[in-house]
Amino acid sequence: MAAEAEAPVVAALRRLGLLEAGETPRFTRLTGGVSSDIWRVDLARGPVCVKRALARLRVAADWRAPIERNAYEAEWMRRAAAVVPDAVPELLGQDEAAGVLVMAYLAPERHRLWKSELRDGRAEPKVARTVGARLARIHAATANDPDIARAFPTDRIFHDIRLEPYLVATARRHPDRAEALHALVARTASTKRCLVHGDVSPKNILIGPKGPVFLDAECAWHGDPAFDLAFCLNHLLLKCLWTPRAARDFLRCFDALGEGHLAGAAWESRAALEARTATLLPGLLLGRVDGKSPVEYLTEEREKERVRKVARALLADPPARFAEVRDAWTAELAS
């Protein structure tokens, strides 16, 4: 089975000119991907990281997505690297026929996974602020650019792998909040500002010697930067239940990331961006317990109920500021 999965990758590496004549690459499967096969591939030139998009994602729910998203991920990397070169791995090639993307391999000894750092209670506001600031630089540099809209006609992909599984599916579980959730879907889908990563999560951010590095831009889209910001802020709230002893630091990171991003929001008013992000946050909170991709570390029903309680209340009475979300969550943590 492994050889069968690797054969198209070998062919793609050959087409991309990364494989020497007669060379036999060595594959090591990497963990963590639900939407792609990911390997470290050792070549004569050195190790590379290879991704191949899956048509059906590895989650319990039936969740499918078009594999052409791989090409848009490669294009996001090119665009982001032009703005903040150190914020993405070097792109070595993309083979559209096989849905294969090849990038520089970043050694884990020098590039720590932010999710692992947070799990272990190492939550540094300085890191969070830099994540927000770098993300804002990419948003700002691509704002109001008609070329971005042409290069990323990915509304359908974004709906299939972001809006439907996180918000639409959650509305089916909470019919009394369905109107609010569908309103978030409609507003997000119609807000066109800049180039959006779509999966800014601690599991997709490495903390390297030159700062945060963003991975896995399969959801790249011309749309609303509030989605990127809310998606990451949401994780910092949820981590309070995963590693309770670091809850205060997670909330400090929540504040720092939000401020780091808003400070660079040159494309629109801070108030407008903050309001859209704050109202989206409770929808995403609820989506991470009752959508198609629940976070794996909230296993106790009591923990899920705490998320539901806060998220449902905020959907009924939408916040306009990050502080309102943080304060509601802090009150629940103290209860």
Protein backbone atom coordinates (compact mmCIF):
# COMPACT_ATOMS: atom_id res chain seq x y z
CA MET A 1 0.00 0.00 0.00
CA ALA A 2 2.86 2.38 0.86
CA ALA A 3 4.60 1.75 -2.46
CA GLU A 4 1.31 2.31 -4.30
CA ALA A 5 0.87 5.71 -2.61
CA GLU A 6 4.50 6.68 -3.21
CA ALA A 7 4.67 5.81 -6.92
CA PRO A 8 2.86 8.96 -8.15
CA VAL A 9 5.10 11.07 -5.91
CA VAL A 10 8.24 9.52 -7.41
CA ALA A 11 6.90 10.28 -10.89
CA ALA A 12 6.15 13.87 -9.87
CA LEU A 13 9.62 14.35 -8.39
CA ARG A 14 11.08 13.12 -11.68
CA ARG A 15 8.93 15.53 -13.71
CA LEU A 16 9.97 18.39 -11.45
CA GLY A 17 13.65 17.60 -12.01
CA LEU A 18 14.26 16.90 -8.33
CA LEU A 19 15.15 13.23 -8.79
CA GLU A 20 18.51 12.22 -10.24
CA ALA A 21 18.77 9.43 -12.83
CA GLY A 22 18.73 6.03 -11.13
CA GLU A 23 18.03 7.54 -7.71
CA THR A 24 15.74 5.70 -5.28
CA PRO A 25 14.18 8.15 -2.81
CA ARG A 26 13.53 7.11 0.79
CA PHE A 27 10.09 7.94 2.18
CA THR A 28 9.24 8.58 5.84
CA ARG A 29 5.57 9.27 6.49
CA LEU A 30 4.93 12.29 8.69
CA THR A 31 2.00 12.47 11.07
CA GLY A 32 -0.62 15.14 11.60
CA GLY A 33 -2.27 15.54 8.21
CA VAL A 34 -5.99 14.84 7.82
CA SER A 35 -6.26 16.40 4.35
CA SER A 36 -3.03 15.20 2.72
CA ASP A 37 -0.43 12.47 2.68
CA ILE A 38 2.79 14.04 3.95
CA TRP A 39 6.29 12.58 3.74
CA ARG A 40 9.87 13.46 4.41
CA VAL A 41 11.60 12.26 1.26
CA ASP A 42 15.36 11.84 1.34
CA LEU A 43 16.93 12.63 -2.03
CA ALA A 44 20.52 12.90 -3.20
CA ARG A 45 20.13 16.67 -2.92
CA GLY A 46 18.94 16.34 0.70
CA PRO A 47 15.60 15.92 2.47
CA VAL A 48 12.43 17.55 1.16
CA CYS A 49 8.85 17.62 2.40
CA VAL A 50 6.18 16.31 0.01
CA LYS A 51 2.40 16.72 0.29
CA ARG A 52 -0.26 15.03 -1.79
CA ALA A 53 -3.84 16.22 -1.36
CA LEU A 54 -6.54 13.67 -0.47
CA ALA A 55 -10.02 13.75 -2.01
CA ARG A 56 -11.57 12.40 1.23
CA LEU A 57 -10.24 13.81 4.48
CA ARG A 58 -9.28 11.58 7.40
CA VAL A 59 -12.07 12.50 9.81
CA ALA A 60 -15.06 10.57 11.12
CA ALA A 61 -17.55 12.59 9.07
CA ASP A 62 -17.84 12.24 5.30
CA TRP A 63 -15.74 15.25 4.30
CA ARG A 64 -14.54 15.59 0.72
CA ALA A 65 -12.63 18.33 -1.04
CA PRO A 66 -11.22 18.88 -4.55
CA ILE A 67 -7.53 17.99 -4.85
CA GLU A 68 -6.80 21.03 -7.04
CA ARG A 69 -6.50 22.95 -3.75
CA ASN A 70 -2.87 21.80 -3.80
CA ALA A 71 -2.11 24.19 -6.67
CA TYR A 72 -3.63 27.11 -4.74
CA GLU A 73 -1.55 26.22 -1.70
CA ALA A 74 1.57 26.49 -3.84
CA GLU A 75 0.43 29.86 -5.16
CA TRP A 76 -0.29 31.10 -1.62
CA MET A 77 3.27 30.15 -0.68
CA ARG A 78 4.68 32.10 -3.62
CA ARG A 79 2.63 35.19 -2.78
CA ALA A 80 3.36 35.05 0.95
CA ALA A 81 7.09 34.52 0.36
CA ALA A 82 7.17 37.70 -1.72
CA VAL A 83 5.89 39.61 1.33
CA VAL A 84 7.57 37.83 4.27
CA PRO A 85 10.15 35.35 2.93
CA ASP A 86 10.83 33.79 6.33
CA ALA A 87 7.13 33.11 6.96
CA VAL A 88 6.90 30.12 4.59
CA PRO A 89 9.07 27.12 3.66
CA GLU A 90 10.88 27.42 0.34
CA LEU A 91 8.67 26.06 -2.44
CA LEU A 92 10.64 23.61 -4.59
CA GLY A 93 7.93 22.58 -7.02
CA GLN A 94 4.28 21.71 -7.59
CA ASP A 95 2.99 18.97 -9.89
CA GLU A 96 -0.64 19.68 -10.68
CA ALA A 97 -1.29 16.36 -12.41
CA ALA A 98 -0.43 14.36 -9.28
CA GLY A 99 -1.61 16.95 -6.76
CA VAL A 100 1.91 16.96 -5.30
CA LEU A 101 3.65 19.88 -3.63
CA VAL A 102 7.36 19.82 -2.73
CA MET A 103 8.92 22.21 -0.25
CA ALA A 104 12.03 22.54 1.88
CA TYR A 105 12.15 20.20 4.85
CA LEU A 106 12.37 22.17 8.09
CA ALA A 107 14.15 20.14 10.75
CA PRO A 108 12.07 19.81 13.96
CA GLU A 109 15.16 20.43 16.09
CA ARG A 110 15.19 24.04 14.85
CA HIS A 111 11.48 24.51 14.08
CA ARG A 112 9.20 23.76 17.01
CA LEU A 113 5.54 23.07 16.36
CA TRP A 114 3.54 25.80 18.07
CA LYS A 115 0.77 23.36 18.99
CA SER A 116 3.25 21.21 20.90
CA GLU A 117 4.63 24.26 22.67
CA LEU A 118 1.13 25.30 23.75
CA ARG A 119 0.23 21.76 24.82
CA ASP A 120 3.22 21.82 27.16
CA GLY A 121 2.20 25.18 28.60
CA ARG A 122 4.82 27.29 26.84
CA ALA A 123 2.60 30.17 25.72
CA GLU A 124 4.62 33.29 24.94
CA PRO A 125 2.72 36.49 24.06
CA LYS A 126 5.71 37.71 22.03
CA VAL A 127 5.36 34.70 19.72
CA ALA A 128 1.60 35.19 19.42
CA ARG A 129 2.03 38.88 18.60
CA THR A 130 4.52 38.02 15.84
CA VAL A 131 2.11 35.45 14.39
CA GLY A 132 -0.59 38.12 14.21
CA ALA A 133 1.77 40.73 12.79
CA ARG A 134 3.15 38.47 10.07
CA LEU A 135 -0.32 37.40 9.07
CA ALA A 136 -1.38 41.05 8.87
CA ARG A 137 1.59 41.86 6.61
CA ILE A 138 0.44 39.21 4.13
CA HIS A 139 -3.15 40.45 4.34
CA ALA A 140 -2.11 44.08 3.89
CA ALA A 141 0.19 43.40 0.93
CA THR A 142 -2.54 41.54 -0.94
CA ALA A 143 -5.50 43.77 -0.04
CA ASN A 144 -7.60 45.28 -2.81
CA ASP A 145 -5.48 43.55 -5.47
CA PRO A 146 -7.57 42.39 -8.45
CA ASP A 147 -4.82 39.94 -9.40
CA ILE A 148 -5.42 38.05 -6.13
CA ALA A 149 -9.09 37.64 -7.00
CA ARG A 150 -8.14 36.23 -10.41
CA ALA A 151 -5.44 33.93 -9.03
CA PHE A 152 -7.63 32.47 -6.27
CA PRO A 153 -11.10 31.65 -7.66
CA THR A 154 -11.56 29.24 -4.75
CA ASP A 155 -14.94 30.14 -3.29
CA ARG A 156 -16.25 26.59 -3.78
CA ILE A 157 -13.18 24.99 -2.20
CA PHE A 158 -13.32 27.39 0.74
CA HIS A 159 -16.99 26.64 1.26
CA ASP A 160 -16.39 22.87 1.08
CA ILE A 161 -13.49 22.73 3.52
CA ARG A 162 -14.07 25.71 5.83
CA LEU A 163 -17.58 27.14 5.86
CA GLU A 164 -19.58 23.94 5.43
CA PRO A 165 -17.75 21.70 7.94
CA TYR A 166 -17.26 24.37 10.61
CA LEU A 167 -20.42 26.49 10.41
CA VAL A 168 -23.07 24.89 8.19
CA ALA A 169 -22.66 21.43 9.75
CA THR A 170 -22.77 22.99 13.22
CA ALA A 171 -26.03 24.78 12.36
CA ARG A 172 -27.60 21.37 11.78
CA ARG A 173 -26.67 20.38 15.33
CA HIS A 174 -27.97 23.66 16.79
CA PRO A 175 -31.14 24.61 14.89
CA ASP A 176 -31.93 27.39 17.37
CA ARG A 177 -28.63 29.07 16.41
CA ALA A 178 -28.82 28.16 12.72
CA GLU A 179 -29.91 31.64 11.62
CA ALA A 180 -26.88 33.24 13.29
CA LEU A 181 -24.49 30.61 11.90
CA HIS A 182 -25.85 30.90 8.36
CA ALA A 183 -25.55 34.68 8.60
CA LEU A 184 -21.85 34.25 9.45
CA VAL A 185 -21.45 31.97 6.42
CA ALA A 186 -23.12 34.48 4.10
CA ARG A 187 -21.14 37.45 5.42
CA THR A 188 -17.80 35.62 5.34
CA ALA A 189 -18.38 34.27 1.83
CA SER A 190 -19.22 37.71 0.47
CA THR A 191 -16.44 39.72 2.16
CA LYS A 192 -13.60 40.11 -0.34
CA ARG A 193 -10.58 41.91 1.03
CA CYS A 194 -7.28 40.06 0.53
CA LEU A 195 -5.44 36.72 0.34
CA VAL A 196 -6.55 34.41 3.14
CA HIS A 197 -4.61 31.35 4.35
CA GLY A 198 -7.71 29.61 5.72
CA ASP A 199 -6.10 27.27 8.28
CA VAL A 200 -4.06 29.45 10.62
CA SER A 201 -3.86 26.99 13.49
CA PRO A 202 -1.06 26.22 15.96
CA LYS A 203 -0.71 22.81 14.30
CA ASN A 204 0.23 24.64 11.08
CA ILE A 205 2.73 27.08 12.58
CA LEU A 206 6.38 26.33 13.26
CA ILE A 207 8.40 28.56 15.55
CA GLY A 208 11.78 28.78 13.87
CA PRO A 209 14.98 30.77 14.35
CA LYS A 210 13.61 33.50 12.08
CA GLY A 211 10.12 33.59 13.56
CA PRO A 212 6.79 31.88 12.83
CA VAL A 213 6.47 29.80 9.65
CA PHE A 214 3.00 29.13 8.19
CA LEU A 215 2.21 25.70 6.72
CA ASP A 216 -0.77 24.03 5.01
CA ALA A 217 -2.44 26.78 3.00
CA GLU A 218 -4.76 24.31 1.24
CA CYS A 219 -7.72 26.59 1.97
CA ALA A 220 -6.15 29.64 0.30
CA TRP A 221 -8.85 32.07 -0.78
CA HIS A 222 -9.49 35.64 -1.82
CA GLY A 223 -11.76 36.73 0.99
CA ASP A 224 -12.11 37.89 4.56
CA PRO A 225 -8.97 38.24 6.73
CA ALA A 226 -11.24 38.04 9.78
CA PHE A 227 -11.49 34.31 9.14
CA ASP A 228 -7.71 33.79 9.51
CA LEU A 229 -7.61 35.86 12.67
CA ALA A 230 -10.67 34.23 14.27
CA PHE A 231 -9.52 30.74 13.33
CA CYS A 232 -6.25 31.18 15.25
CA LEU A 233 -7.68 33.12 18.19
CA ASN A 234 -10.23 30.34 18.63
CA HIS A 235 -7.47 27.81 19.28
CA LEU A 236 -5.95 29.93 22.03
CA LEU A 237 -9.28 29.89 23.86
CA LEU A 238 -9.74 26.13 23.48
CA LYS A 239 -6.20 25.42 24.71
CA CYS A 240 -7.30 26.73 28.13
CA LEU A 241 -9.23 23.48 28.57
CA TRP A 242 -6.37 21.33 27.21
CA THR A 243 -3.66 22.72 29.49
CA PRO A 244 -5.55 24.52 32.30
CA ARG A 245 -2.43 25.48 34.25
CA ALA A 246 -1.42 27.77 31.36
CA ALA A 247 -4.87 29.31 30.83
CA ARG A 248 -3.76 32.77 31.92
CA ASP A 249 -0.87 32.70 29.46
CA PHE A 250 -3.14 31.49 26.65
CA LEU A 251 -5.40 34.46 27.26
CA ARG A 252 -2.42 36.80 27.21
CA CYS A 253 -1.48 35.24 23.86
CA PHE A 254 -5.07 35.77 22.69
CA ASP A 255 -4.74 39.48 23.46
CA ALA A 256 -1.27 39.73 21.89
CA LEU A 257 -2.17 37.95 18.66
CA GLY A 258 -5.28 40.07 18.20
CA GLU A 259 -3.40 43.29 18.84
CA GLY A 260 -0.48 42.24 16.62
CA HIS A 261 -2.85 41.69 13.73
CA LEU A 262 -5.09 44.71 14.22
CA ALA A 263 -2.03 46.98 14.41
CA GLY A 264 -1.20 46.04 10.82
CA ALA A 265 -4.73 46.26 9.41
CA ALA A 266 -4.05 49.05 6.95
CA TRP A 267 -6.73 47.89 4.49
CA GLU A 268 -9.76 48.74 6.70
CA SER A 269 -10.63 50.20 10.07
CA ARG A 270 -9.54 48.25 13.14
CA ALA A 271 -13.07 48.48 14.54
CA ALA A 272 -14.65 46.86 11.48
CA LEU A 273 -12.12 44.03 11.35
CA GLU A 274 -12.35 43.40 15.09
CA ALA A 275 -16.16 43.32 15.00
CA ARG A 276 -16.28 40.76 12.16
CA THR A 277 -13.66 38.63 13.88
CA ALA A 278 -15.34 38.81 17.29
CA THR A 279 -18.74 37.78 15.92
CA LEU A 280 -17.17 34.89 13.96
CA LEU A 281 -15.32 33.53 17.00
CA PRO A 282 -18.32 31.93 18.78
CA GLY A 283 -19.35 30.18 15.56
CA LEU A 284 -15.90 28.67 15.22
CA LEU A 285 -15.81 27.79 18.93
CA LEU A 286 -19.03 25.83 18.55
CA GLY A 287 -17.77 24.31 15.32
CA ARG A 288 -14.77 22.78 17.07
CA VAL A 289 -17.02 20.63 19.26
CA ASP A 290 -20.07 20.07 17.03
CA GLY A 291 -18.80 20.51 13.47
CA LYS A 292 -17.13 17.98 11.18
CA SER A 293 -13.64 18.54 12.60
CA PRO A 294 -13.86 18.63 16.41
CA VAL A 295 -10.60 19.25 18.26
CA GLU A 296 -9.20 15.91 19.36
CA TYR A 297 -8.19 16.97 22.85
CA LEU A 298 -11.66 17.88 24.15
CA THR A 299 -12.94 14.40 24.97
CA GLU A 300 -15.03 14.95 28.10
CA GLU A 301 -18.65 15.95 27.60
CA ARG A 302 -18.33 18.46 30.45
CA GLU A 303 -15.58 20.30 28.55
CA LYS A 304 -17.68 20.37 25.38
CA GLU A 305 -20.65 21.72 27.29
CA ARG A 306 -18.55 24.60 28.59
CA VAL A 307 -17.65 25.52 25.02
CA ARG A 308 -21.29 25.23 23.93
CA LYS A 309 -22.49 27.40 26.81
CA VAL A 310 -20.19 30.32 25.96
CA ALA A 311 -20.47 30.00 22.18
CA ARG A 312 -24.26 29.75 22.13
CA ALA A 313 -24.62 32.78 24.41
CA LEU A 314 -22.31 34.87 22.21
CA LEU A 315 -24.13 33.79 19.05
CA ALA A 316 -27.36 35.01 20.62
CA ASP A 317 -25.78 38.32 21.71
CA PRO A 318 -22.93 38.97 19.23
CA PRO A 319 -19.79 40.67 20.59
CA ALA A 320 -18.06 43.56 18.83
CA ARG A 321 -14.74 43.40 20.70
CA PHE A 322 -12.25 40.67 21.48
CA ALA A 323 -12.44 41.64 25.15
CA GLU A 324 -16.09 40.60 25.26
CA VAL A 325 -15.23 37.12 24.02
CA ARG A 326 -12.26 36.80 26.34
CA ASP A 327 -14.25 37.99 29.35
CA ALA A 328 -17.09 35.54 28.67
CA TRP A 329 -14.58 32.72 28.36
CA THR A 330 -12.68 33.79 31.46
CA ALA A 331 -15.90 33.83 33.48
CA GLU A 332 -16.69 30.29 32.35
CA LEU A 333 -13.19 29.07 33.24
CA ALA A 334 -13.60 30.53 36.73
CA SER A 335 -16.99 28.90 37.30
